[in-house]
């Protein structure tokens, strides 16, 4: 009998037979109730969107790093390098895209404060500013064409068209992402998980947009002052 009692005590101490084993944590937590370490695959972390965006931006960094290296080497070692007169309209487009980052930040903060009307308002302004920026870039190209400066005129003009076009394509992707957020402006999350996804998507797009803003300022300084 003593042996039986001892065995039973050991079973209880080990927790065997007291219920199903708890699942290991997987980065999610319950919306409410339960112990602190309980796992719940229905809970979403907005950080996952932000991390995914930073990973995606590494390819953009590599692209423009390669273009910059080629630009600097070509400018230093080429006899046919002829600097072009940069359109003054680019100053305006630079101011526009910087302002768009400010308005996007206003949208993101409004969303986190659950001011949906202001969130949509700032998003719309940001989208319009993005379109204005692309329009000003096209006008700057037309000014160069009127001066007889084309893609193949000289190496400097080739890099100018290539770099501004590459940035414009990536910014167009940002405008499409803004449009997606605008469409979902009136669709407030039905629960904590859905709202977290909405905030996560807005944060990820904001990272992309601010990155495109900083990238343009970098290209602007490079093309204007490194000739």
Protein backbone atom coordinates (compact mmCIF):
# COMPACT_ATOMS: atom_id res chain seq x y z
CA UNK A 1 0.00 0.00 0.00
CA UNK A 2 2.79 2.39 0.83
CA UNK A 3 4.28 1.83 -2.60
CA UNK A 4 0.93 2.62 -4.25
CA UNK A 5 0.48 5.85 -2.29
CA UNK A 6 4.02 6.96 -3.11
CA UNK A 7 3.46 6.35 -6.81
CA UNK A 8 0.23 8.33 -6.78
CA UNK A 9 1.92 11.25 -5.06
CA UNK A 10 4.64 11.27 -7.70
CA UNK A 11 2.02 11.33 -10.46
CA UNK A 12 0.28 14.31 -8.87
CA UNK A 13 3.58 16.15 -8.35
CA UNK A 14 4.50 15.74 -12.01
CA UNK A 15 1.10 16.96 -13.12
CA UNK A 16 0.35 13.84 -15.14
CA UNK A 17 -3.35 13.32 -15.71
CA UNK A 18 -4.37 16.76 -14.45
CA UNK A 19 -5.48 17.99 -17.86
CA UNK A 20 -4.21 18.48 -21.41
CA UNK A 21 -0.68 19.90 -21.65
CA UNK A 22 -0.48 23.56 -22.40
CA UNK A 23 0.72 24.48 -25.86
CA UNK A 24 4.01 26.35 -26.21
CA UNK A 25 3.79 30.04 -26.87
CA UNK A 26 3.84 31.09 -30.53
CA UNK A 27 3.97 34.86 -30.39
CA UNK A 28 0.23 35.34 -29.81
CA UNK A 29 -1.74 35.96 -26.60
CA UNK A 30 -5.36 35.68 -25.63
CA UNK A 31 -7.59 38.71 -25.98
CA UNK A 32 -8.79 38.22 -22.44
CA UNK A 33 -9.04 35.62 -19.68
CA UNK A 34 -6.78 32.69 -19.04
CA UNK A 35 -3.34 32.69 -17.56
CA UNK A 36 -0.62 35.05 -18.72
CA UNK A 37 1.26 32.38 -20.66
CA UNK A 38 -1.76 30.96 -22.55
CA UNK A 39 -1.38 30.81 -26.32
CA UNK A 40 -4.02 32.01 -28.73
CA UNK A 41 -3.41 31.94 -32.50
CA UNK A 42 -6.21 34.47 -33.03
CA UNK A 43 -4.24 37.37 -31.53
CA UNK A 44 -2.20 39.38 -34.06
CA UNK A 45 0.91 41.46 -33.51
CA UNK A 46 1.22 44.62 -35.71
CA UNK A 47 5.01 44.30 -35.38
CA UNK A 48 4.88 41.45 -37.89
CA UNK A 49 3.77 43.87 -40.64
CA UNK A 50 6.49 46.35 -39.74
CA UNK A 51 9.20 43.70 -39.70
CA UNK A 52 8.02 42.37 -43.07
CA UNK A 53 8.19 45.86 -44.56
CA UNK A 54 11.76 46.42 -43.37
CA UNK A 55 12.78 43.10 -44.89
CA UNK A 56 11.13 44.05 -48.19
CA UNK A 57 12.91 47.42 -48.22
CA UNK A 58 16.32 45.76 -48.16
CA UNK A 59 15.96 45.02 -51.89
CA UNK A 60 15.22 48.70 -52.54
CA UNK A 61 18.31 49.70 -50.57
CA UNK A 62 20.44 47.29 -52.58
CA UNK A 63 19.08 48.63 -55.88
CA UNK A 64 19.81 52.27 -55.13
CA UNK A 65 23.15 51.45 -53.53
CA UNK A 66 24.19 49.83 -56.80
CA UNK A 67 22.91 52.80 -58.82
CA UNK A 68 24.74 55.24 -56.56
CA UNK A 69 28.01 53.33 -56.85
CA UNK A 70 27.72 53.23 -60.64
CA UNK A 71 26.85 56.94 -60.72
CA UNK A 72 29.88 57.99 -58.65
CA UNK A 73 32.32 55.76 -60.52
CA UNK A 74 30.99 56.88 -63.91
CA UNK A 75 31.19 60.55 -62.97
CA UNK A 76 34.78 60.20 -61.79
CA UNK A 77 36.13 58.15 -64.69
CA UNK A 78 34.24 59.39 -67.73
CA UNK A 79 35.41 61.96 -70.26
CA UNK A 80 31.95 62.33 -71.76
CA UNK A 81 30.28 63.25 -68.47
CA UNK A 82 28.33 66.48 -69.03
CA UNK A 83 26.36 67.73 -66.00
CA UNK A 84 22.85 68.87 -66.88
CA UNK A 85 21.03 71.86 -65.46
CA UNK A 86 18.57 70.41 -62.95
CA UNK A 87 14.98 71.66 -63.32
CA UNK A 88 14.04 74.06 -60.53
CA UNK A 89 10.69 72.29 -60.34
CA UNK A 90 12.46 69.54 -58.39
CA UNK A 91 12.71 71.89 -55.42
CA UNK A 92 8.92 72.05 -55.35
CA UNK A 93 8.51 68.30 -55.66
CA UNK A 94 10.97 67.81 -52.80
CA UNK A 95 8.93 70.11 -50.57
CA UNK A 96 5.74 68.27 -51.55
CA UNK A 97 7.03 64.83 -50.63
CA UNK A 98 8.41 66.06 -47.30
CA UNK A 99 5.02 67.55 -46.45
CA UNK A 100 3.37 64.26 -47.40
CA UNK A 101 5.40 62.48 -44.72
CA UNK A 102 4.10 64.95 -42.16
CA UNK A 103 0.49 64.40 -43.23
CA UNK A 104 0.94 60.62 -43.17
CA UNK A 105 2.22 60.82 -39.63
CA UNK A 106 -0.90 62.79 -38.76
CA UNK A 107 -3.01 60.01 -40.29
CA UNK A 108 -1.21 57.30 -38.35
CA UNK A 109 -1.63 59.10 -35.04
CA UNK A 110 -5.30 59.75 -35.73
CA UNK A 111 -5.83 56.04 -36.37
CA UNK A 112 -4.22 55.04 -33.08
CA UNK A 113 -6.45 57.54 -31.28
CA UNK A 114 -9.45 56.00 -33.10
CA UNK A 115 -10.30 59.27 -34.88
CA UNK A 116 -11.40 57.60 -38.08
CA UNK A 117 -12.63 60.78 -39.77
CA UNK A 118 -9.30 62.55 -39.28
CA UNK A 119 -7.45 59.40 -40.29
CA UNK A 120 -9.24 59.34 -43.63
CA UNK A 121 -8.75 63.10 -44.05
CA UNK A 122 -4.98 62.93 -43.60
CA UNK A 123 -4.70 59.82 -45.75
CA UNK A 124 -6.49 61.57 -48.61
CA UNK A 125 -4.19 64.59 -48.37
CA UNK A 126 -1.13 62.33 -48.35
CA UNK A 127 -2.36 60.49 -51.45
CA UNK A 128 -3.01 63.75 -53.30
CA UNK A 129 0.47 65.02 -52.41
CA UNK A 130 1.95 61.77 -53.72
CA UNK A 131 0.16 62.23 -57.04
CA UNK A 132 1.30 65.87 -57.18
CA UNK A 133 4.89 64.73 -56.63
CA UNK A 134 4.72 62.27 -59.53
CA UNK A 135 3.12 64.94 -61.72
CA UNK A 136 5.90 67.41 -60.91
CA UNK A 137 8.48 64.76 -61.81
CA UNK A 138 6.88 64.28 -65.22
CA UNK A 139 6.85 68.04 -65.76
CA UNK A 140 10.55 68.18 -64.84
CA UNK A 141 11.23 65.54 -67.49
CA UNK A 142 9.32 67.60 -70.05
CA UNK A 143 11.42 70.63 -69.20
CA UNK A 144 14.57 68.63 -69.90
CA UNK A 145 13.15 67.35 -73.19
CA UNK A 146 12.44 70.92 -74.27
CA UNK A 147 16.11 71.67 -73.63
CA UNK A 148 17.08 68.75 -75.87
CA UNK A 149 18.21 66.56 -72.97
CA UNK A 150 17.13 62.94 -73.35
CA UNK A 151 17.94 59.60 -71.75
CA UNK A 152 20.89 58.94 -74.10
CA UNK A 153 22.18 62.52 -74.33
CA UNK A 154 25.07 61.89 -71.91
CA UNK A 155 25.82 59.68 -68.88
CA UNK A 156 24.56 62.27 -66.38
CA UNK A 157 21.19 62.60 -68.06
CA UNK A 158 20.95 58.80 -68.30
CA UNK A 159 21.44 58.42 -64.57
CA UNK A 160 19.01 61.25 -63.85
CA UNK A 161 16.20 59.65 -65.83
CA UNK A 162 16.99 56.17 -64.52
CA UNK A 163 17.15 57.11 -60.84
CA UNK A 164 14.11 59.37 -60.86
CA UNK A 165 12.12 56.78 -62.82
CA UNK A 166 13.07 53.99 -60.40
CA UNK A 167 12.04 56.14 -57.46
CA UNK A 168 8.82 57.14 -59.19
CA UNK A 169 7.83 53.51 -59.78
CA UNK A 170 8.42 52.66 -56.13
CA UNK A 171 6.48 55.74 -55.03
CA UNK A 172 3.60 54.69 -57.27
CA UNK A 173 3.52 51.46 -55.28
CA UNK A 174 3.20 53.58 -52.15
CA UNK A 175 0.28 55.50 -53.68
CA UNK A 176 -1.48 52.19 -54.42
CA UNK A 177 -0.92 51.16 -50.80
CA UNK A 178 -2.39 54.48 -49.64
CA UNK A 179 -5.40 53.87 -51.87
CA UNK A 180 -5.88 50.49 -50.21
CA UNK A 181 -5.84 52.13 -46.78
CA UNK A 182 -8.33 54.73 -48.00
CA UNK A 183 -10.73 52.03 -49.20
CA UNK A 184 -10.58 50.43 -45.76
CA UNK A 185 -10.99 53.71 -43.89
CA UNK A 186 -14.66 53.09 -43.12
CA UNK A 187 -14.11 49.44 -42.21
CA UNK A 188 -13.25 49.62 -38.56
CA UNK A 189 -12.04 46.40 -36.98
CA UNK A 190 -14.80 44.21 -35.59
CA UNK A 191 -12.57 42.99 -32.74
CA UNK A 192 -9.14 43.54 -31.24
CA UNK A 193 -7.43 41.32 -33.81
CA UNK A 194 -9.01 43.04 -36.81
CA UNK A 195 -8.17 46.48 -35.42
CA UNK A 196 -4.59 45.38 -34.77
CA UNK A 197 -4.31 44.29 -38.39
CA UNK A 198 -5.58 47.67 -39.56
CA UNK A 199 -3.06 49.51 -37.40
CA UNK A 200 -0.29 47.16 -38.49
CA UNK A 201 -1.06 47.76 -42.17
CA UNK A 202 -1.03 51.55 -41.66
CA UNK A 203 2.29 51.37 -39.79
CA UNK A 204 3.87 49.25 -42.53
CA UNK A 205 2.75 51.64 -45.27
CA UNK A 206 4.00 54.60 -43.21
CA UNK A 207 7.45 53.00 -42.99
CA UNK A 208 7.47 52.55 -46.76
CA UNK A 209 6.29 56.10 -47.41
CA UNK A 210 8.78 57.72 -45.05
CA UNK A 211 11.51 55.62 -46.61
CA UNK A 212 10.55 56.83 -50.10
CA UNK A 213 10.61 60.39 -48.76
CA UNK A 214 14.12 59.99 -47.34
CA UNK A 215 15.26 58.21 -50.49
CA UNK A 216 14.13 61.07 -52.68
CA UNK A 217 15.90 63.66 -50.51
CA UNK A 218 19.06 61.56 -50.86
CA UNK A 219 18.69 61.32 -54.65
CA UNK A 220 17.93 65.02 -54.88
CA UNK A 221 21.15 65.94 -53.06
CA UNK A 222 23.16 63.40 -55.07
CA UNK A 223 21.93 64.58 -58.48
CA UNK A 224 22.10 68.27 -57.64
CA UNK A 225 25.46 68.47 -55.93
CA UNK A 226 27.48 65.47 -57.14
CA UNK A 227 28.00 66.29 -60.82
